[in-house]
N, C-alpha and C. Protein backbone atom coordinates (compact mmCIF):
# COMPACT_ATOMS: atom_id res chain seq x y z
N UNK A 1 0.91 -1.30 0.01
CA UNK A 1 -0.19 -0.07 0.23
C UNK A 1 0.50 1.65 -0.28
N UNK A 2 1.88 1.44 1.06
CA UNK A 2 2.72 2.28 0.86
C UNK A 2 3.39 2.48 -0.35
N UNK A 3 3.82 1.39 -0.86
CA UNK A 3 4.83 1.70 -2.61
C UNK A 3 4.04 2.48 -3.37
N UNK A 4 2.54 2.20 -3.42
CA UNK A 4 1.51 2.69 -4.24
C UNK A 4 1.30 3.99 -3.83
N UNK A 5 1.02 4.27 -2.81
CA UNK A 5 0.97 5.58 -2.39
C UNK A 5 2.05 6.26 -2.91
N UNK A 6 3.39 5.91 -2.57
CA UNK A 6 4.37 6.64 -2.41
C UNK A 6 4.73 7.10 -4.21
N UNK A 7 3.93 5.89 -4.89
CA UNK A 7 4.96 6.16 -6.42
C UNK A 7 3.57 6.91 -7.21
N UNK A 8 2.32 7.34 -6.63
CA UNK A 8 1.35 7.90 -7.49
C UNK A 8 1.15 9.09 -6.86
N UNK A 9 1.97 9.78 -5.72
CA UNK A 9 1.50 10.90 -5.36
C UNK A 9 1.70 12.22 -5.81
N UNK A 10 2.93 12.03 -6.26
CA UNK A 10 3.56 13.25 -7.16
C UNK A 10 2.85 13.34 -8.38
N UNK A 11 2.33 12.06 -9.63
CA UNK A 11 1.50 12.27 -10.47
C UNK A 11 -0.02 12.68 -9.97
N UNK A 12 -0.51 12.56 -8.73
CA UNK A 12 -1.45 12.75 -8.45
C UNK A 12 -1.53 14.51 -8.21
N UNK A 13 -0.61 15.06 -7.55
CA UNK A 13 -0.44 16.20 -7.08
C UNK A 13 -0.41 17.22 -8.51
N UNK A 14 0.36 16.66 -9.84
CA UNK A 14 0.15 17.33 -10.63
C UNK A 14 -1.14 17.32 -11.66
N UNK A 15 -1.47 16.55 -11.33
CA UNK A 15 -2.84 16.25 -12.33
C UNK A 15 -4.06 17.28 -11.59
N UNK A 16 -3.67 17.09 -10.35
CA UNK A 16 -4.83 18.15 -9.51
C UNK A 16 -4.27 19.65 -9.55
N UNK A 17 -3.04 19.99 -9.71
CA UNK A 17 -2.78 21.30 -9.88
C UNK A 17 -3.46 21.85 -11.32
N UNK A 18 -2.73 20.54 -11.92
CA UNK A 18 -3.47 21.29 -13.69
C UNK A 18 -4.72 21.51 -14.04
N UNK A 19 -5.48 20.39 -13.11
CA UNK A 19 -7.04 20.39 -13.38
C UNK A 19 -7.20 21.78 -12.54
N UNK A 20 -6.84 22.36 -11.75
CA UNK A 20 -7.42 23.37 -10.99
C UNK A 20 -7.11 24.62 -11.84
N UNK A 21 -5.63 24.33 -12.39
CA UNK A 21 -5.20 25.74 -13.23
C UNK A 21 -6.31 26.12 -14.25
N UNK A 22 -6.44 24.46 -15.00
CA UNK A 22 -7.29 24.75 -16.16
C UNK A 22 -8.72 25.42 -15.71
N UNK A 23 -9.69 24.99 -14.61
CA UNK A 23 -10.95 25.25 -14.21
C UNK A 23 -10.40 26.83 -14.29
N UNK A 24 -9.40 27.58 -13.16
CA UNK A 24 -9.33 28.61 -12.66
C UNK A 24 -8.72 29.56 -13.97
N UNK A 25 -8.52 29.15 -14.93
CA UNK A 25 -8.12 29.81 -16.57
C UNK A 25 -6.67 30.63 -15.80
N UNK A 26 -6.01 29.59 -15.22
CA UNK A 26 -4.23 30.22 -14.91
C UNK A 26 -3.54 29.42 -16.22
N UNK A 27 -2.49 30.57 -16.45
CA UNK A 27 -1.68 29.77 -17.53
C UNK A 27 -0.58 29.01 -16.46
N UNK A 28 -0.65 27.97 -16.69
CA UNK A 28 0.17 27.02 -15.87
C UNK A 28 1.47 26.75 -16.36
N UNK A 29 1.85 26.98 -17.31
CA UNK A 29 3.36 26.66 -17.94
C UNK A 29 3.89 28.10 -17.34
N UNK A 30 3.30 28.91 -17.99
CA UNK A 30 4.09 30.65 -17.28
C UNK A 30 4.27 30.67 -16.38
N UNK A 31 3.32 29.98 -15.39
CA UNK A 31 3.45 30.27 -13.80
C UNK A 31 4.64 29.10 -13.32
N UNK A 32 4.58 28.24 -13.94
CA UNK A 32 5.64 26.73 -13.83
C UNK A 32 7.41 27.80 -14.15
N UNK A 33 7.17 28.22 -15.30
CA UNK A 33 8.91 28.89 -15.81
C UNK A 33 8.83 29.81 -14.50
N UNK A 34 8.43 30.95 -14.06
CA UNK A 34 8.38 31.87 -13.16
C UNK A 34 8.90 31.30 -12.19
N UNK A 35 8.34 30.16 -11.41
CA UNK A 35 8.58 29.75 -10.15
C UNK A 35 9.95 29.18 -10.46
N UNK A 36 10.17 28.53 -11.60
CA UNK A 36 11.76 27.76 -11.80
C UNK A 36 12.82 28.96 -11.67
N UNK A 37 12.46 30.12 -12.50
CA UNK A 37 13.39 31.36 -12.37
C UNK A 37 13.78 31.39 -10.90
N UNK A 38 12.50 31.78 -10.25
CA UNK A 38 12.86 32.15 -8.88
C UNK A 38 13.49 31.01 -8.03
N UNK A 39 13.04 29.97 -8.34
CA UNK A 39 13.90 28.65 -7.34
C UNK A 39 15.43 28.50 -7.74
N UNK A 40 15.79 28.84 -9.18
CA UNK A 40 17.20 29.04 -9.46
C UNK A 40 17.62 30.30 -9.16
N UNK A 41 17.62 31.39 -8.82
CA UNK A 41 17.61 32.50 -8.36
C UNK A 41 17.90 31.93 -6.69
N UNK A 42 17.12 31.55 -6.10
CA UNK A 42 16.99 31.13 -4.68
C UNK A 42 18.15 30.46 -4.44
N UNK A 43 18.46 29.47 -5.17
CA UNK A 43 19.34 28.39 -5.23
C UNK A 43 20.75 29.00 -5.04
N UNK A 44 20.81 30.23 -6.45
CA UNK A 44 22.32 30.64 -5.95
C UNK A 44 22.49 31.52 -5.13
N UNK A 45 21.49 31.87 -4.67
CA UNK A 45 21.75 32.90 -3.39
C UNK A 45 22.23 32.22 -1.99
N UNK A 46 21.33 30.77 -1.75
CA UNK A 46 21.41 30.05 -1.12
C UNK A 46 22.60 29.31 -0.90
N UNK A 47 23.19 28.68 -2.27
CA UNK A 47 24.63 28.10 -2.12
C UNK A 47 25.86 28.71 -1.48
N UNK A 48 26.21 29.63 -1.41
CA UNK A 48 27.15 30.21 -0.63
C UNK A 48 27.02 29.67 0.98
N UNK A 49 26.10 30.20 1.46
CA UNK A 49 25.71 29.82 2.86
C UNK A 49 25.74 28.23 3.00
N UNK A 50 25.10 27.38 2.28
CA UNK A 50 24.90 25.82 1.76
C UNK A 50 26.65 25.24 2.20
N UNK A 51 27.53 25.94 1.37
CA UNK A 51 28.91 25.40 1.01
C UNK A 51 29.38 25.76 2.07
N UNK A 52 29.58 27.09 2.87
CA UNK A 52 30.22 27.56 4.18
C UNK A 52 29.54 26.60 5.52
N UNK A 53 28.41 25.95 5.35
CA UNK A 53 27.89 25.18 6.05
C UNK A 53 28.54 24.03 6.15
N UNK A 54 28.89 23.32 4.74
CA UNK A 54 29.23 21.89 4.60
C UNK A 54 30.70 21.85 4.86
N UNK A 55 31.42 23.10 4.68
CA UNK A 55 32.59 23.00 5.11
C UNK A 55 32.75 23.51 6.77
N UNK A 56 31.63 23.90 7.59
CA UNK A 56 31.76 24.03 8.91
C UNK A 56 31.52 22.44 9.31
N UNK A 57 30.74 21.83 9.04
CA UNK A 57 30.26 20.74 9.76
C UNK A 57 31.07 19.72 9.25
N UNK A 58 32.08 19.74 7.92
CA UNK A 58 32.84 18.83 7.66
C UNK A 58 34.05 19.14 8.86
N UNK A 59 34.68 20.20 9.04
CA UNK A 59 35.37 20.52 10.31
C UNK A 59 35.22 19.89 11.70
N UNK A 60 33.95 20.40 12.07
CA UNK A 60 33.17 19.95 13.23
C UNK A 60 33.41 18.28 13.39
N UNK A 61 32.97 17.54 11.99
CA UNK A 61 33.23 16.46 12.47
C UNK A 61 34.76 15.67 12.18
N UNK A 62 35.43 16.27 11.42
CA UNK A 62 37.08 15.86 11.07
C UNK A 62 37.44 16.03 12.72
N UNK A 63 36.95 17.29 13.35
CA UNK A 63 38.26 17.66 14.79
C UNK A 63 37.68 16.49 15.81
N UNK A 64 36.94 15.44 15.69
CA UNK A 64 36.55 14.22 16.34
C UNK A 64 35.59 14.75 17.82
N UNK A 65 34.95 16.41 17.50
CA UNK A 65 34.18 16.97 18.68
C UNK A 65 32.76 16.15 18.62
N UNK A 66 32.25 16.01 17.37
CA UNK A 66 30.93 15.39 16.99
C UNK A 66 30.88 14.03 17.37
N UNK A 67 32.06 13.18 17.14
CA UNK A 67 32.23 11.88 17.40
C UNK A 67 32.36 12.03 19.32
N UNK A 68 32.87 12.26 19.70
CA UNK A 68 32.96 12.87 21.34
C UNK A 68 31.41 12.86 21.75
N UNK A 69 30.80 13.76 21.38
CA UNK A 69 29.40 14.01 21.97
C UNK A 69 28.54 12.49 21.34
N UNK A 70 28.43 11.95 20.21
CA UNK A 70 28.00 10.69 19.72
C UNK A 70 28.14 9.86 20.90
N UNK A 71 29.52 9.68 21.24
CA UNK A 71 30.03 8.72 21.88
C UNK A 71 29.33 8.64 23.40
N UNK A 72 28.82 9.43 23.63
CA UNK A 72 28.81 9.99 25.04
C UNK A 72 26.73 10.04 25.01
N UNK A 73 26.21 10.54 23.82
CA UNK A 73 24.79 10.41 24.12
C UNK A 73 24.31 9.10 23.27
N UNK A 74 25.42 8.57 22.50
CA UNK A 74 24.75 7.32 22.04
C UNK A 74 24.17 6.31 22.83
N UNK A 75 24.97 5.68 23.74
CA UNK A 75 24.27 4.75 25.01
C UNK A 75 22.93 5.01 25.41
N UNK A 76 22.88 6.57 25.45
CA UNK A 76 21.52 7.00 26.13
C UNK A 76 20.41 6.93 24.90
N UNK A 77 20.34 7.36 24.15
CA UNK A 77 19.58 7.30 23.24
C UNK A 77 19.15 5.86 22.54
N UNK A 78 20.40 5.14 22.98
CA UNK A 78 20.33 3.73 22.32
C UNK A 78 19.10 3.15 23.08
N UNK A 79 19.24 3.56 24.40
CA UNK A 79 17.82 2.59 25.29
C UNK A 79 16.60 3.34 24.57
N UNK A 80 16.24 4.44 24.26
CA UNK A 80 15.22 4.47 23.43
C UNK A 80 14.68 4.19 22.04
N UNK A 81 15.71 3.38 21.41
CA UNK A 81 15.84 3.16 20.18
C UNK A 81 16.25 4.05 18.88
N UNK A 82 17.07 4.81 19.28
CA UNK A 82 17.61 5.78 18.68
C UNK A 82 18.82 5.42 18.17
N UNK A 83 19.00 4.56 16.58
CA UNK A 83 20.31 4.49 16.08
C UNK A 83 21.20 5.70 16.29
N UNK A 84 22.20 4.97 16.52
CA UNK A 84 23.46 5.96 16.52
C UNK A 84 23.83 7.20 15.51
N UNK A 85 23.44 6.26 14.53
CA UNK A 85 23.65 7.03 13.12
C UNK A 85 23.17 8.25 12.81
N UNK A 86 21.90 8.32 13.65
CA UNK A 86 21.18 9.66 13.31
C UNK A 86 21.44 10.74 14.11
N UNK A 87 21.93 10.28 15.48
CA UNK A 87 22.11 11.43 16.11
C UNK A 87 22.97 12.73 15.67
N UNK A 88 23.96 12.60 14.81
CA UNK A 88 24.19 13.67 14.17
C UNK A 88 23.43 14.83 13.51
N UNK A 89 22.37 14.30 13.04
CA UNK A 89 20.95 14.73 12.41
C UNK A 89 20.31 15.45 13.42
N UNK A 90 20.35 14.77 14.41
CA UNK A 90 19.10 15.39 15.72
C UNK A 90 19.68 16.26 16.29
N UNK A 91 21.42 16.35 16.37
CA UNK A 91 21.95 17.49 17.20
C UNK A 91 22.21 18.56 16.35
N UNK A 92 22.45 18.60 14.84
CA UNK A 92 22.38 19.74 14.21
C UNK A 92 21.37 20.35 13.63
N UNK A 93 20.35 19.61 13.52
CA UNK A 93 18.98 19.84 12.74
C UNK A 93 18.41 21.14 13.31
N UNK A 94 18.89 21.13 14.89
CA UNK A 94 17.96 22.35 15.50
C UNK A 94 18.97 23.72 15.11
N UNK A 95 19.74 23.64 14.90
CA UNK A 95 21.17 24.71 14.44
C UNK A 95 21.02 25.25 13.41
N UNK A 96 20.66 24.72 12.24
CA UNK A 96 20.86 24.60 10.63
C UNK A 96 20.20 23.72 9.82
N UNK A 97 19.25 24.32 9.28
CA UNK A 97 18.75 23.23 7.75
C UNK A 97 19.51 22.89 6.99
N UNK A 98 20.37 23.66 6.35
CA UNK A 98 21.17 23.42 5.75
C UNK A 98 22.48 22.22 6.24
N UNK A 99 23.11 22.22 7.25
CA UNK A 99 23.55 21.79 7.80
C UNK A 99 23.01 20.33 8.33
N UNK A 100 21.90 20.31 8.70
CA UNK A 100 20.95 19.46 8.88
C UNK A 100 20.80 18.25 7.19
N UNK A 101 20.62 19.06 6.28
CA UNK A 101 20.33 18.37 5.11
C UNK A 101 21.49 17.98 4.87
N UNK A 102 22.83 18.45 4.61
CA UNK A 102 24.08 17.97 4.59
C UNK A 102 24.24 16.60 5.32
N UNK A 103 23.94 16.57 6.35
CA UNK A 103 24.27 15.42 7.35
C UNK A 103 23.01 14.18 6.87
N UNK A 104 22.06 14.64 6.56
CA UNK A 104 20.67 13.92 6.01
C UNK A 104 21.49 13.24 4.60
N UNK A 105 22.17 14.20 3.93
CA UNK A 105 22.51 13.53 2.79
C UNK A 105 23.85 12.39 2.95
N UNK A 106 24.71 13.14 3.83
CA UNK A 106 25.60 11.69 4.05
C UNK A 106 25.07 10.63 4.11
N UNK A 107 23.81 10.73 5.66
CA UNK A 107 23.43 9.20 5.95
C UNK A 107 22.63 8.34 5.01
N UNK A 108 22.32 9.15 3.89
CA UNK A 108 21.29 8.59 3.08
C UNK A 108 22.79 8.10 2.30
N UNK A 109 23.69 8.60 1.79
CA UNK A 109 25.11 8.03 1.36
C UNK A 109 25.39 6.66 1.93
N UNK A 110 25.46 6.40 2.98
CA UNK A 110 25.88 5.69 3.51
C UNK A 110 25.40 4.43 3.94
N UNK A 111 23.78 4.78 4.12
CA UNK A 111 23.23 3.80 4.75
C UNK A 111 21.87 3.37 3.73
N UNK A 112 21.59 4.51 2.87
CA UNK A 112 20.69 4.14 1.76
C UNK A 112 19.33 4.55 2.43
N UNK A 113 18.53 5.29 1.27
CA UNK A 113 17.08 5.81 2.11
C UNK A 113 16.28 4.60 2.37
N UNK A 114 16.41 3.64 2.12
CA UNK A 114 15.40 2.40 2.09
C UNK A 114 15.87 1.57 3.44
N UNK A 115 16.92 2.29 4.05
CA UNK A 115 17.46 1.09 5.41
C UNK A 115 16.30 1.82 6.56
N UNK A 116 16.55 1.18 7.72
CA UNK A 116 15.46 1.82 8.90
C UNK A 116 16.40 3.32 9.29
N UNK A 117 17.61 3.16 9.09
CA UNK A 117 18.65 4.33 9.79
C UNK A 117 18.05 5.61 8.54
N UNK A 118 18.13 5.21 7.41
CA UNK A 118 17.85 6.52 6.31
C UNK A 118 16.43 6.89 6.62
N UNK A 119 15.49 5.98 6.40
CA UNK A 119 14.08 6.05 7.16
C UNK A 119 13.62 7.04 8.29
N UNK A 120 14.36 6.71 9.37
CA UNK A 120 14.31 7.40 10.34
C UNK A 120 15.18 9.00 10.43
N UNK A 121 15.79 8.78 9.94
CA UNK A 121 16.88 10.52 9.28
C UNK A 121 15.79 11.15 8.37
N UNK A 122 15.06 10.42 7.46
CA UNK A 122 14.29 11.27 6.52
C UNK A 122 13.27 11.95 7.47
N UNK A 123 12.71 10.91 8.17
CA UNK A 123 11.20 11.28 8.84
C UNK A 123 11.64 12.22 9.81
N UNK A 124 12.96 12.36 10.57
CA UNK A 124 13.35 13.15 11.54
C UNK A 124 13.49 14.59 10.57
N UNK A 125 14.07 14.79 9.95
CA UNK A 125 14.36 16.04 9.30
C UNK A 125 13.05 16.59 8.56
N UNK A 126 12.10 15.97 8.52
CA UNK A 126 10.77 16.46 8.09
C UNK A 126 9.65 16.57 9.19
N UNK A 127 10.32 16.24 10.30
CA UNK A 127 9.59 16.36 11.62
C UNK A 127 9.76 17.79 12.58
N UNK A 128 11.20 17.78 12.09
CA UNK A 128 12.32 18.70 13.17
C UNK A 128 12.02 20.11 12.85
N UNK A 129 12.48 20.95 13.14
CA UNK A 129 12.71 22.33 12.90
C UNK A 129 13.95 22.78 13.48
N UNK A 130 14.29 23.99 12.51
CA UNK A 130 15.85 24.62 12.87
C UNK A 130 15.06 25.58 13.79
N UNK A 131 15.11 25.38 15.09
CA UNK A 131 14.89 25.90 16.03
C UNK A 131 15.49 27.54 16.20
N UNK A 132 16.68 27.34 16.10
CA UNK A 132 17.73 28.51 16.42
C UNK A 132 17.60 29.54 15.49
N UNK A 133 17.54 29.14 14.47
CA UNK A 133 17.18 30.18 13.50
C UNK A 133 15.94 30.79 13.19
N UNK A 134 15.08 29.76 13.44
CA UNK A 134 13.46 30.42 13.33
C UNK A 134 13.11 31.49 14.36
N UNK A 135 13.78 31.47 15.76
CA UNK A 135 13.85 32.13 16.80
C UNK A 135 14.43 33.42 16.62
N UNK A 136 15.49 33.55 15.72
CA UNK A 136 16.00 34.72 15.57
C UNK A 136 15.43 35.38 14.59
N UNK A 137 14.88 34.24 13.29
CA UNK A 137 14.71 34.81 12.07
C UNK A 137 13.19 35.86 12.53
N UNK A 138 12.17 35.14 13.17
CA UNK A 138 11.04 35.44 13.29
C UNK A 138 10.65 36.50 14.78
N UNK A 139 11.69 36.00 15.62
CA UNK A 139 11.21 36.29 16.60
C UNK A 139 12.37 38.22 16.34
N UNK A 140 13.28 38.04 16.16
CA UNK A 140 14.30 39.01 15.83
C UNK A 140 13.68 39.83 14.69
N UNK A 141 12.43 39.79 13.89
CA UNK A 141 11.68 40.38 12.95
C UNK A 141 10.78 41.16 13.47
N UNK A 142 10.28 40.85 14.66
CA UNK A 142 9.60 41.98 15.18
C UNK A 142 9.59 42.17 16.79
N UNK A 143 10.77 42.15 16.84
CA UNK A 143 11.58 42.93 17.63
C UNK A 143 11.37 41.82 19.32
N UNK A 144 11.44 40.90 19.19
CA UNK A 144 11.17 40.20 20.62
C UNK A 144 12.40 39.37 21.26
N UNK A 145 12.48 39.52 22.26
CA UNK A 145 14.20 39.43 22.49
C UNK A 145 14.29 38.50 23.58
N UNK A 146 12.76 38.25 24.47
CA UNK A 146 13.04 37.30 25.57
C UNK A 146 12.18 36.52 24.85
N UNK A 147 12.93 34.87 25.09
CA UNK A 147 12.01 33.58 24.19
C UNK A 147 11.16 33.16 25.64
N UNK A 148 11.67 33.30 26.82
CA UNK A 148 10.85 32.66 27.63
C UNK A 148 10.63 31.12 27.77
N UNK A 149 9.24 31.03 27.17
CA UNK A 149 9.51 29.40 27.11
C UNK A 149 9.46 28.82 25.53
N UNK A 150 9.68 29.74 25.02
CA UNK A 150 9.87 29.14 23.30
C UNK A 150 10.43 28.14 23.25
N UNK A 151 12.31 28.87 23.72
CA UNK A 151 13.12 27.97 23.53
C UNK A 151 13.02 26.30 23.90
N UNK A 152 12.81 26.27 25.51
CA UNK A 152 12.24 24.66 25.72
C UNK A 152 11.27 24.07 25.08
N UNK A 153 9.81 24.72 24.88
CA UNK A 153 9.14 24.00 24.41
C UNK A 153 9.51 23.43 22.84
N UNK A 154 10.29 24.52 22.23
CA UNK A 154 10.46 23.93 20.88
C UNK A 154 12.06 22.71 21.06
N UNK A 155 12.50 22.82 22.13
CA UNK A 155 13.64 21.68 22.37
C UNK A 155 12.85 20.29 22.42
N UNK A 156 11.82 20.69 23.27
CA UNK A 156 10.92 19.15 23.61
C UNK A 156 10.53 18.71 22.30
N UNK A 157 9.88 19.44 21.72
CA UNK A 157 9.35 19.28 20.47
C UNK A 157 10.14 18.41 19.32
N UNK A 158 11.19 19.17 19.44
CA UNK A 158 12.10 18.58 18.18
C UNK A 158 12.48 17.05 18.78
N UNK A 159 12.78 17.06 20.23
CA UNK A 159 13.53 15.51 21.03
C UNK A 159 11.86 14.75 20.69
N UNK A 160 11.04 15.45 20.89
CA UNK A 160 9.57 14.66 20.38
C UNK A 160 9.74 13.87 19.25
N UNK A 161 10.12 14.60 17.95
CA UNK A 161 10.54 14.34 16.49
C UNK A 161 11.09 13.11 16.72
N UNK A 162 12.08 13.26 17.19
CA UNK A 162 13.54 12.22 16.97
C UNK A 162 12.68 11.13 17.50
N UNK A 163 11.81 10.87 18.30
CA UNK A 163 11.44 9.96 19.26
C UNK A 163 10.39 9.37 18.73
N UNK A 164 9.22 10.56 17.75
CA UNK A 164 8.13 9.98 17.24
C UNK A 164 8.83 9.18 15.70
N UNK A 165 10.34 9.82 15.00
CA UNK A 165 10.28 8.90 14.02
C UNK A 165 10.93 7.77 14.04
N UNK A 166 11.57 7.33 15.08
CA UNK A 166 11.76 5.89 15.92
C UNK A 166 10.35 5.45 15.73
N UNK A 167 9.83 5.74 16.64
CA UNK A 167 8.44 4.78 16.61
C UNK A 167 7.80 5.04 15.96
N UNK A 168 7.43 5.46 14.74
CA UNK A 168 6.53 5.62 13.53
C UNK A 168 7.34 4.46 12.66
N UNK A 169 8.59 4.87 12.25
CA UNK A 169 9.08 4.22 11.46
C UNK A 169 9.27 2.01 11.23
N UNK A 170 9.80 2.55 13.29
CA UNK A 170 9.57 0.82 13.62
C UNK A 170 8.11 0.02 13.05
N UNK A 171 7.20 1.25 13.39
CA UNK A 171 5.92 0.88 13.61
C UNK A 171 5.52 0.14 11.77
N UNK A 172 5.75 1.22 11.08
CA UNK A 172 5.36 1.05 9.68
C UNK A 172 6.06 0.23 8.92
N UNK A 173 8.03 0.27 8.84
CA UNK A 173 8.79 -0.39 8.16
C UNK A 173 9.16 -2.09 9.01
N UNK A 174 8.84 -1.97 10.07
CA UNK A 174 9.68 -3.00 11.06
C UNK A 174 8.76 -4.13 11.12
N UNK A 175 7.45 -4.03 10.82
CA UNK A 175 6.29 -4.90 11.23
C UNK A 175 6.48 -6.20 10.26
């Protein structure tokens, strides 16, 4: 069932979008081309930040600091069923979306998307948030300086996303 849903969802979305566009008499192709132009310019704007983040993550990982943190936290999270290979993503995702994406890419390259580790990492990536970035951008844009309960609540939500990812992936894929 999951195989059928995953293989048909994108064509179904495309059909729905095209149908709604035709009903509303929207020039779908022109809108698509305009969106592609915007996407390309966004990719060019984001590339230097992404490259910098990839280099910083590489340095952090090669220095061994991340390995020490994972060795310390691995047994604790292992008791909850969290694969140790996902911990770098769990630690970096709250700090940086692009850094989290780089770690996810590394996980998927090493363990493959259809492995339990790949599925947990993918689910967590989609369930967690870049807390510190979000707080800085959104709260900073409206002048809030006291985060009060927001940061602890957001960290709890991220932890919950990690645990929920393991539970859901165990339930769906290991049954």
